[in-house]
Amino acid sequence: MIELLNDAEFWVAVAFVILLAVFFKLGVHRTAATALDDRAARIKAELDEAQRLKAEAQAVLAEAERRRGDAEREAQAMIAAARSDAERVAAEAHAKAEEFIARRTKMAEAKIAQAEQQALADVRAAAADAAVAAAERVLRETVKGALADDLIGRGIGEIKAKLN
């Protein structure tokens, strides 16, 4: 046993046991356990927070996808409305164009009819003037004297009145 007192390993073991006793007396084991428990609690809290954030992110993602779907449906509805509006406007424009063409055609026909009437009146006037001139020449050659002048004047006046 005396040999043990000279052995360095023995004294290291004794110092170690004394150190453990001092640590035990000072409550180092409780402090270490508390520190480890605190660290475990912090890690658990961080894991819980990460889980909560993950759930929150999934909820935000689901909401974003729902909004995207709503936006796509709204866009499709807007496109359909725009198409129907465009078709309606095109139909109205087509109807207005047809109406414009019909109006222009009617105006052109009226102008043509008016021109025909004017031409007919011009032809009648020219024919009347020609008839009066021919009748005047015939009467001058056939009838002579004062009576002839009187008859020619009255005849020309009557012909003009009747033809115009």
N, C-alpha and C. Protein backbone atom coordinates (compact mmCIF):
# COMPACT_ATOMS: atom_id res chain seq x y z
N MET A 1 0.78 -1.15 0.00
CA MET A 1 0.00 0.00 0.00
C MET A 1 0.86 1.26 0.00
N ILE A 2 2.00 1.15 0.59
CA ILE A 2 2.92 2.27 0.59
C ILE A 2 3.38 2.52 -0.84
N GLU A 3 3.44 1.53 -1.55
CA GLU A 3 3.85 1.70 -2.93
C GLU A 3 2.83 2.54 -3.70
N LEU A 4 1.65 2.43 -3.29
CA LEU A 4 0.61 3.21 -3.95
C LEU A 4 0.82 4.69 -3.70
N LEU A 5 1.35 5.02 -2.57
CA LEU A 5 1.57 6.43 -2.26
C LEU A 5 2.66 7.01 -3.15
N ASN A 6 3.53 6.19 -3.64
CA ASN A 6 4.61 6.67 -4.51
C ASN A 6 4.19 6.63 -5.99
N ASP A 7 3.10 6.03 -6.26
CA ASP A 7 2.66 5.88 -7.66
C ASP A 7 1.95 7.16 -8.11
N ALA A 8 2.32 7.72 -9.28
CA ALA A 8 1.76 8.96 -9.78
C ALA A 8 0.33 8.75 -10.26
N GLU A 9 0.08 7.58 -10.75
CA GLU A 9 -1.26 7.30 -11.23
C GLU A 9 -2.25 7.28 -10.08
N PHE A 10 -1.81 6.82 -8.97
CA PHE A 10 -2.67 6.79 -7.77
C PHE A 10 -3.05 8.21 -7.39
N TRP A 11 -2.08 9.08 -7.37
CA TRP A 11 -2.35 10.46 -6.97
C TRP A 11 -3.23 11.17 -8.03
N VAL A 12 -3.06 10.82 -9.29
CA VAL A 12 -3.93 11.40 -10.33
C VAL A 12 -5.36 10.94 -10.08
N ALA A 13 -5.51 9.67 -9.71
CA ALA A 13 -6.84 9.14 -9.44
C ALA A 13 -7.43 9.82 -8.23
N VAL A 14 -6.60 10.01 -7.15
CA VAL A 14 -7.09 10.67 -5.93
C VAL A 14 -7.49 12.10 -6.26
N ALA A 15 -6.66 12.81 -7.03
CA ALA A 15 -6.96 14.19 -7.39
C ALA A 15 -8.24 14.25 -8.21
N PHE A 16 -8.40 13.24 -9.05
CA PHE A 16 -9.61 13.21 -9.87
C PHE A 16 -10.83 13.01 -9.00
N VAL A 17 -10.75 12.10 -8.03
CA VAL A 17 -11.88 11.85 -7.14
C VAL A 17 -12.17 13.10 -6.31
N ILE A 18 -11.13 13.75 -5.84
CA ILE A 18 -11.32 14.98 -5.05
C ILE A 18 -11.97 16.05 -5.94
N LEU A 19 -11.48 16.16 -7.18
CA LEU A 19 -12.05 17.14 -8.10
C LEU A 19 -13.53 16.85 -8.33
N LEU A 20 -13.84 15.56 -8.48
CA LEU A 20 -15.24 15.20 -8.67
C LEU A 20 -16.06 15.54 -7.42
N ALA A 21 -15.49 15.32 -6.26
CA ALA A 21 -16.19 15.62 -5.01
C ALA A 21 -16.42 17.13 -4.89
N VAL A 22 -15.40 17.91 -5.26
CA VAL A 22 -15.53 19.37 -5.19
C VAL A 22 -16.60 19.82 -6.19
N PHE A 23 -16.54 19.25 -7.39
CA PHE A 23 -17.56 19.60 -8.38
C PHE A 23 -18.95 19.24 -7.89
N PHE A 24 -19.05 18.04 -7.24
CA PHE A 24 -20.33 17.61 -6.73
C PHE A 24 -20.81 18.54 -5.62
N LYS A 25 -19.90 18.92 -4.77
CA LYS A 25 -20.22 19.80 -3.65
C LYS A 25 -20.65 21.17 -4.17
N LEU A 26 -19.98 21.67 -5.20
CA LEU A 26 -20.31 22.97 -5.76
C LEU A 26 -21.55 22.91 -6.66
N GLY A 27 -22.00 21.76 -7.03
CA GLY A 27 -23.19 21.60 -7.86
C GLY A 27 -22.92 21.78 -9.34
N VAL A 28 -21.68 21.51 -9.75
CA VAL A 28 -21.31 21.65 -11.14
C VAL A 28 -22.14 20.67 -11.99
N HIS A 29 -22.45 19.51 -11.45
CA HIS A 29 -23.22 18.53 -12.22
C HIS A 29 -24.63 19.07 -12.51
N ARG A 30 -25.20 19.79 -11.52
CA ARG A 30 -26.52 20.39 -11.74
C ARG A 30 -26.43 21.52 -12.78
N THR A 31 -25.36 22.29 -12.69
CA THR A 31 -25.16 23.39 -13.64
C THR A 31 -24.99 22.83 -15.06
N ALA A 32 -24.20 21.78 -15.18
CA ALA A 32 -23.99 21.15 -16.49
C ALA A 32 -25.29 20.55 -17.00
N ALA A 33 -26.03 19.89 -16.12
CA ALA A 33 -27.30 19.29 -16.52
C ALA A 33 -28.29 20.38 -16.92
N THR A 34 -28.29 21.47 -16.15
CA THR A 34 -29.19 22.58 -16.47
C THR A 34 -28.82 23.20 -17.80
N ALA A 35 -27.52 23.37 -18.02
CA ALA A 35 -27.05 23.94 -19.29
C ALA A 35 -27.46 23.04 -20.46
N LEU A 36 -27.28 21.74 -20.26
CA LEU A 36 -27.67 20.80 -21.32
C LEU A 36 -29.18 20.80 -21.53
N ASP A 37 -29.92 20.86 -20.41
CA ASP A 37 -31.39 20.92 -20.54
C ASP A 37 -31.83 22.20 -21.23
N ASP A 38 -31.18 23.32 -20.87
CA ASP A 38 -31.51 24.59 -21.52
C ASP A 38 -31.22 24.54 -23.01
N ARG A 39 -30.07 23.95 -23.33
CA ARG A 39 -29.70 23.84 -24.74
C ARG A 39 -30.71 22.94 -25.48
N ALA A 40 -31.10 21.85 -24.84
CA ALA A 40 -32.09 20.95 -25.45
C ALA A 40 -33.42 21.68 -25.63
N ALA A 41 -33.80 22.49 -24.63
CA ALA A 41 -35.05 23.26 -24.74
C ALA A 41 -34.96 24.28 -25.86
N ARG A 42 -33.81 24.95 -25.98
CA ARG A 42 -33.61 25.92 -27.05
C ARG A 42 -33.70 25.24 -28.42
N ILE A 43 -33.06 24.09 -28.53
CA ILE A 43 -33.09 23.35 -29.80
C ILE A 43 -34.52 22.93 -30.12
N LYS A 44 -35.23 22.44 -29.08
CA LYS A 44 -36.63 22.03 -29.28
C LYS A 44 -37.48 23.23 -29.69
N ALA A 45 -37.24 24.39 -29.04
CA ALA A 45 -37.99 25.60 -29.39
C ALA A 45 -37.69 26.01 -30.83
N GLU A 46 -36.41 25.92 -31.23
CA GLU A 46 -36.05 26.25 -32.60
C GLU A 46 -36.70 25.29 -33.59
N LEU A 47 -36.73 24.02 -33.23
CA LEU A 47 -37.39 23.03 -34.10
C LEU A 47 -38.89 23.32 -34.19
N ASP A 48 -39.49 23.65 -33.06
CA ASP A 48 -40.92 23.99 -33.06
C ASP A 48 -41.18 25.24 -33.91
N GLU A 49 -40.30 26.24 -33.75
CA GLU A 49 -40.43 27.47 -34.55
C GLU A 49 -40.25 27.16 -36.03
N ALA A 50 -39.29 26.31 -36.36
CA ALA A 50 -39.07 25.93 -37.75
C ALA A 50 -40.30 25.19 -38.29
N GLN A 51 -40.88 24.32 -37.46
CA GLN A 51 -42.09 23.60 -37.88
C GLN A 51 -43.25 24.58 -38.11
N ARG A 52 -43.38 25.55 -37.20
CA ARG A 52 -44.45 26.55 -37.33
C ARG A 52 -44.23 27.40 -38.58
N LEU A 53 -42.98 27.81 -38.82
CA LEU A 53 -42.67 28.58 -40.02
C LEU A 53 -42.92 27.78 -41.29
N LYS A 54 -42.62 26.49 -41.24
CA LYS A 54 -42.87 25.63 -42.39
C LYS A 54 -44.36 25.55 -42.68
N ALA A 55 -45.16 25.37 -41.61
CA ALA A 55 -46.62 25.31 -41.78
C ALA A 55 -47.14 26.65 -42.32
N GLU A 56 -46.60 27.74 -41.80
CA GLU A 56 -46.99 29.07 -42.25
C GLU A 56 -46.64 29.26 -43.72
N ALA A 57 -45.43 28.82 -44.10
CA ALA A 57 -45.00 28.93 -45.50
C ALA A 57 -45.89 28.11 -46.41
N GLN A 58 -46.28 26.92 -45.94
CA GLN A 58 -47.18 26.09 -46.76
C GLN A 58 -48.54 26.77 -46.90
N ALA A 59 -49.02 27.41 -45.83
CA ALA A 59 -50.30 28.12 -45.91
C ALA A 59 -50.19 29.29 -46.88
N VAL A 60 -49.07 30.02 -46.82
CA VAL A 60 -48.86 31.14 -47.74
C VAL A 60 -48.78 30.64 -49.18
N LEU A 61 -48.08 29.51 -49.37
CA LEU A 61 -47.98 28.92 -50.71
C LEU A 61 -49.36 28.52 -51.22
N ALA A 62 -50.16 27.87 -50.37
CA ALA A 62 -51.50 27.46 -50.78
C ALA A 62 -52.34 28.69 -51.14
N GLU A 63 -52.22 29.74 -50.34
CA GLU A 63 -52.97 30.98 -50.62
C GLU A 63 -52.52 31.59 -51.94
N ALA A 64 -51.20 31.60 -52.17
CA ALA A 64 -50.67 32.14 -53.43
C ALA A 64 -51.17 31.32 -54.62
N GLU A 65 -51.18 30.02 -54.49
CA GLU A 65 -51.68 29.17 -55.58
C GLU A 65 -53.17 29.40 -55.81
N ARG A 66 -53.92 29.60 -54.73
CA ARG A 66 -55.35 29.88 -54.86
C ARG A 66 -55.55 31.21 -55.58
N ARG A 67 -54.76 32.22 -55.20
CA ARG A 67 -54.86 33.52 -55.85
C ARG A 67 -54.48 33.43 -57.32
N ARG A 68 -53.44 32.64 -57.62
CA ARG A 68 -53.03 32.47 -59.01
C ARG A 68 -54.15 31.82 -59.81
N GLY A 69 -54.78 30.81 -59.22
CA GLY A 69 -55.91 30.17 -59.90
C GLY A 69 -57.06 31.16 -60.11
N ASP A 70 -57.35 31.97 -59.08
CA ASP A 70 -58.39 32.98 -59.21
C ASP A 70 -58.03 33.98 -60.31
N ALA A 71 -56.77 34.39 -60.33
CA ALA A 71 -56.31 35.36 -61.34
C ALA A 71 -56.42 34.76 -62.74
N GLU A 72 -56.07 33.48 -62.88
CA GLU A 72 -56.18 32.83 -64.19
C GLU A 72 -57.64 32.76 -64.63
N ARG A 73 -58.52 32.40 -63.70
CA ARG A 73 -59.95 32.34 -64.05
C ARG A 73 -60.47 33.73 -64.41
N GLU A 74 -60.04 34.74 -63.67
CA GLU A 74 -60.46 36.11 -63.96
C GLU A 74 -59.92 36.55 -65.32
N ALA A 75 -58.68 36.18 -65.61
CA ALA A 75 -58.09 36.54 -66.90
C ALA A 75 -58.86 35.86 -68.04
N GLN A 76 -59.21 34.59 -67.84
CA GLN A 76 -59.99 33.88 -68.87
C GLN A 76 -61.34 34.55 -69.07
N ALA A 77 -61.97 34.96 -67.95
CA ALA A 77 -63.26 35.65 -68.06
C ALA A 77 -63.11 36.98 -68.79
N MET A 78 -62.02 37.69 -68.51
CA MET A 78 -61.78 38.97 -69.18
C MET A 78 -61.54 38.76 -70.67
N ILE A 79 -60.81 37.71 -71.01
CA ILE A 79 -60.54 37.40 -72.41
C ILE A 79 -61.85 37.06 -73.13
N ALA A 80 -62.69 36.26 -72.47
CA ALA A 80 -63.98 35.90 -73.08
C ALA A 80 -64.85 37.13 -73.26
N ALA A 81 -64.87 38.01 -72.26
CA ALA A 81 -65.66 39.24 -72.36
C ALA A 81 -65.13 40.12 -73.48
N ALA A 82 -63.81 40.21 -73.59
CA ALA A 82 -63.21 41.03 -74.65
C ALA A 82 -63.54 40.46 -76.02
N ARG A 83 -63.51 39.12 -76.12
CA ARG A 83 -63.86 38.50 -77.40
C ARG A 83 -65.30 38.81 -77.78
N SER A 84 -66.21 38.65 -76.81
CA SER A 84 -67.62 38.92 -77.12
C SER A 84 -67.83 40.39 -77.46
N ASP A 85 -67.13 41.29 -76.74
CA ASP A 85 -67.23 42.71 -77.06
C ASP A 85 -66.70 42.98 -78.46
N ALA A 86 -65.58 42.37 -78.80
CA ALA A 86 -64.99 42.56 -80.14
C ALA A 86 -65.94 42.05 -81.22
N GLU A 87 -66.55 40.89 -80.98
CA GLU A 87 -67.50 40.35 -81.95
C GLU A 87 -68.71 41.27 -82.09
N ARG A 88 -69.19 41.79 -80.96
CA ARG A 88 -70.34 42.69 -80.98
C ARG A 88 -69.98 43.97 -81.74
N VAL A 89 -68.82 44.53 -81.45
CA VAL A 89 -68.38 45.76 -82.13
C VAL A 89 -68.22 45.49 -83.62
N ALA A 90 -67.65 44.34 -83.97
CA ALA A 90 -67.48 44.00 -85.39
C ALA A 90 -68.84 43.87 -86.08
N ALA A 91 -69.79 43.24 -85.40
CA ALA A 91 -71.13 43.09 -85.97
C ALA A 91 -71.78 44.47 -86.15
N GLU A 92 -71.64 45.34 -85.14
CA GLU A 92 -72.20 46.69 -85.25
C GLU A 92 -71.55 47.45 -86.39
N ALA A 93 -70.22 47.33 -86.51
CA ALA A 93 -69.51 48.02 -87.59
C ALA A 93 -69.96 47.50 -88.95
N HIS A 94 -70.16 46.19 -89.03
CA HIS A 94 -70.62 45.61 -90.29
C HIS A 94 -72.01 46.13 -90.63
N ALA A 95 -72.90 46.17 -89.63
CA ALA A 95 -74.26 46.65 -89.86
C ALA A 95 -74.23 48.13 -90.26
N LYS A 96 -73.39 48.92 -89.59
CA LYS A 96 -73.29 50.35 -89.94
C LYS A 96 -72.74 50.52 -91.35
N ALA A 97 -71.76 49.69 -91.72
CA ALA A 97 -71.19 49.78 -93.06
C ALA A 97 -72.26 49.43 -94.11
N GLU A 98 -73.04 48.40 -93.84
CA GLU A 98 -74.10 48.02 -94.78
C GLU A 98 -75.14 49.14 -94.88
N GLU A 99 -75.48 49.73 -93.74
CA GLU A 99 -76.44 50.83 -93.72
C GLU A 99 -75.89 52.03 -94.51
N PHE A 100 -74.61 52.32 -94.31
CA PHE A 100 -73.97 53.42 -95.02
C PHE A 100 -73.98 53.16 -96.52
N ILE A 101 -73.64 51.94 -96.90
CA ILE A 101 -73.63 51.59 -98.32
C ILE A 101 -75.04 51.70 -98.91
N ALA A 102 -76.04 51.22 -98.16
CA ALA A 102 -77.42 51.30 -98.65
C ALA A 102 -77.84 52.77 -98.80
N ARG A 103 -77.48 53.61 -97.83
CA ARG A 103 -77.82 55.03 -97.89
C ARG A 103 -77.14 55.68 -99.09
N ARG A 104 -75.85 55.37 -99.28
CA ARG A 104 -75.11 55.94 -100.40
C ARG A 104 -75.70 55.47 -101.74
N THR A 105 -76.08 54.20 -101.79
CA THR A 105 -76.68 53.66 -103.01
C THR A 105 -77.98 54.38 -103.31
N LYS A 106 -78.80 54.57 -102.27
CA LYS A 106 -80.08 55.24 -102.44
C LYS A 106 -79.86 56.68 -102.91
N MET A 107 -78.86 57.36 -102.32
CA MET A 107 -78.55 58.74 -102.73
C MET A 107 -78.09 58.77 -104.18
N ALA A 108 -77.25 57.80 -104.56
CA ALA A 108 -76.77 57.75 -105.95
C ALA A 108 -77.92 57.49 -106.91
N GLU A 109 -78.83 56.57 -106.52
CA GLU A 109 -79.98 56.30 -107.37
C GLU A 109 -80.87 57.53 -107.51
N ALA A 110 -81.03 58.27 -106.37
CA ALA A 110 -81.83 59.50 -106.42
C ALA A 110 -81.17 60.52 -107.35
N LYS A 111 -79.85 60.66 -107.27
CA LYS A 111 -79.14 61.60 -108.14
C LYS A 111 -79.27 61.17 -109.61
N ILE A 112 -79.18 59.86 -109.83
CA ILE A 112 -79.32 59.36 -111.20
C ILE A 112 -80.72 59.66 -111.72
N ALA A 113 -81.75 59.42 -110.87
CA ALA A 113 -83.13 59.68 -111.28
C ALA A 113 -83.33 61.17 -111.55
N GLN A 114 -82.74 62.00 -110.70
CA GLN A 114 -82.83 63.45 -110.89
C GLN A 114 -82.14 63.86 -112.19
N ALA A 115 -80.98 63.27 -112.46
CA ALA A 115 -80.26 63.57 -113.69
C ALA A 115 -81.07 63.12 -114.90
N GLU A 116 -81.73 61.95 -114.77
CA GLU A 116 -82.58 61.47 -115.86
C GLU A 116 -83.74 62.44 -116.11
N GLN A 117 -84.36 62.91 -115.00
CA GLN A 117 -85.47 63.86 -115.12
C GLN A 117 -85.00 65.15 -115.79
N GLN A 118 -83.82 65.62 -115.35
CA GLN A 118 -83.27 66.85 -115.91
C GLN A 118 -82.96 66.66 -117.39
N ALA A 119 -82.37 65.50 -117.73
CA ALA A 119 -82.06 65.22 -119.13
C ALA A 119 -83.33 65.14 -119.95
N LEU A 120 -84.36 64.49 -119.39
CA LEU A 120 -85.64 64.38 -120.09
C LEU A 120 -86.24 65.77 -120.29
N ALA A 121 -86.17 66.60 -119.25
CA ALA A 121 -86.70 67.97 -119.38
C ALA A 121 -85.91 68.75 -120.41
N ASP A 122 -84.58 68.58 -120.42
CA ASP A 122 -83.74 69.27 -121.40
C ASP A 122 -84.08 68.81 -122.82
N VAL A 123 -84.29 67.49 -122.97
CA VAL A 123 -84.64 66.95 -124.29
C VAL A 123 -85.99 67.49 -124.73
N ARG A 124 -86.97 67.54 -123.80
CA ARG A 124 -88.30 68.07 -124.13
C ARG A 124 -88.21 69.55 -124.53
N ALA A 125 -87.41 70.29 -123.77
CA ALA A 125 -87.27 71.71 -124.10
C ALA A 125 -86.62 71.88 -125.46
N ALA A 126 -85.59 71.07 -125.73
CA ALA A 126 -84.93 71.16 -127.03
C ALA A 126 -85.89 70.74 -128.14
N ALA A 127 -86.68 69.68 -127.86
CA ALA A 127 -87.67 69.23 -128.86
C ALA A 127 -88.72 70.31 -129.08
N ALA A 128 -89.17 70.96 -128.00
CA ALA A 128 -90.18 72.02 -128.12
C ALA A 128 -89.61 73.18 -128.92
N ASP A 129 -88.35 73.55 -128.61
CA ASP A 129 -87.74 74.65 -129.35
C ASP A 129 -87.61 74.29 -130.83
N ALA A 130 -87.23 73.04 -131.09
CA ALA A 130 -87.08 72.59 -132.47
C ALA A 130 -88.44 72.57 -133.18
N ALA A 131 -89.48 72.12 -132.46
CA ALA A 131 -90.82 72.07 -133.05
C ALA A 131 -91.34 73.47 -133.34
N VAL A 132 -91.07 74.40 -132.40
CA VAL A 132 -91.52 75.78 -132.60
C VAL A 132 -90.80 76.38 -133.80
N ALA A 133 -89.50 76.13 -133.88
CA ALA A 133 -88.73 76.69 -135.00
C ALA A 133 -89.21 76.09 -136.32
N ALA A 134 -89.48 74.79 -136.31
CA ALA A 134 -89.96 74.14 -137.54
C ALA A 134 -91.34 74.66 -137.92
N ALA A 135 -92.22 74.79 -136.93
CA ALA A 135 -93.58 75.28 -137.21
C ALA A 135 -93.51 76.71 -137.70
N GLU A 136 -92.64 77.50 -137.10
CA GLU A 136 -92.50 78.90 -137.53
C GLU A 136 -92.02 78.96 -138.98
N ARG A 137 -91.08 78.16 -139.35
CA ARG A 137 -90.56 78.16 -140.71
C ARG A 137 -91.64 77.70 -141.70
N VAL A 138 -92.36 76.64 -141.31
CA VAL A 138 -93.42 76.13 -142.20
C VAL A 138 -94.49 77.20 -142.39
N LEU A 139 -94.91 77.82 -141.30
CA LEU A 139 -95.97 78.82 -141.39
C LEU A 139 -95.50 80.06 -142.15
N ARG A 140 -94.27 80.43 -142.03
CA ARG A 140 -93.76 81.61 -142.73
C ARG A 140 -93.74 81.35 -144.23
N GLU A 141 -93.43 80.14 -144.57
CA GLU A 141 -93.34 79.83 -145.99
C GLU A 141 -94.73 79.68 -146.60
N THR A 142 -95.68 79.20 -145.80
CA THR A 142 -97.01 78.95 -146.35
C THR A 142 -97.96 80.11 -146.18
N VAL A 143 -97.89 80.80 -145.08
CA VAL A 143 -98.82 81.92 -144.84
C VAL A 143 -98.03 83.22 -144.97
N LYS A 144 -98.67 84.22 -145.66
CA LYS A 144 -97.98 85.47 -145.89
C LYS A 144 -98.85 86.62 -145.43
N GLY A 145 -98.26 87.69 -145.08
CA GLY A 145 -98.99 88.91 -144.76
C GLY A 145 -99.19 89.09 -143.27
N ALA A 146 -100.08 90.07 -142.95
CA ALA A 146 -100.33 90.44 -141.55
C ALA A 146 -101.01 89.32 -140.81
N LEU A 147 -101.92 88.64 -141.48
CA LEU A 147 -102.60 87.51 -140.86
C LEU A 147 -101.60 86.43 -140.50
N ALA A 148 -100.64 86.24 -141.34
CA ALA A 148 -99.62 85.23 -141.10
C ALA A 148 -98.81 85.59 -139.87
N ASP A 149 -98.45 86.82 -139.75
CA ASP A 149 -97.66 87.23 -138.58
C ASP A 149 -98.46 87.03 -137.31
N ASP A 150 -99.75 87.37 -137.37
CA ASP A 150 -100.63 87.23 -136.20
C ASP A 150 -100.79 85.75 -135.85
N LEU A 151 -101.03 84.90 -136.81
CA LEU A 151 -101.21 83.46 -136.56
C LEU A 151 -99.91 82.83 -136.05
N ILE A 152 -98.82 83.22 -136.61
CA ILE A 152 -97.52 82.67 -136.19
C ILE A 152 -97.23 83.04 -134.74
N GLY A 153 -97.47 84.25 -134.39
CA GLY A 153 -97.22 84.71 -133.02
C GLY A 153 -98.08 83.95 -132.02
N ARG A 154 -99.41 83.82 -132.34
CA ARG A 154 -100.30 83.09 -131.43
C ARG A 154 -99.95 81.62 -131.37
N GLY A 155 -99.65 81.03 -132.49
CA GLY A 155 -99.30 79.60 -132.54
C GLY A 155 -98.03 79.30 -131.76
N ILE A 156 -97.06 80.14 -131.92
CA ILE A 156 -95.80 79.95 -131.20
C ILE A 156 -96.05 80.06 -129.70
N GLY A 157 -96.83 81.03 -129.31
CA GLY A 157 -97.15 81.21 -127.88
C GLY A 157 -97.88 80.00 -127.32
N GLU A 158 -98.83 79.44 -128.08
CA GLU A 158 -99.60 78.28 -127.62
C GLU A 158 -98.71 77.03 -127.54
N ILE A 159 -97.87 76.87 -128.54
CA ILE A 159 -96.99 75.69 -128.56
C ILE A 159 -96.03 75.75 -127.37
N LYS A 160 -95.47 76.90 -127.15
CA LYS A 160 -94.54 77.06 -126.02
C LYS A 160 -95.26 76.76 -124.71
N ALA A 161 -96.45 77.26 -124.56
CA ALA A 161 -97.22 77.07 -123.33
C ALA A 161 -97.53 75.59 -123.11
N LYS A 162 -97.88 74.88 -124.20
CA LYS A 162 -98.28 73.50 -124.06
C LYS A 162 -97.06 72.57 -123.85
N LEU A 163 -95.96 72.88 -124.47
CA LEU A 163 -94.79 71.99 -124.38
C LEU A 163 -94.02 72.21 -123.07
N ASN A 164 -94.08 73.38 -122.54
CA ASN A 164 -93.34 73.62 -121.28
C ASN A 164 -94.26 73.36 -120.16
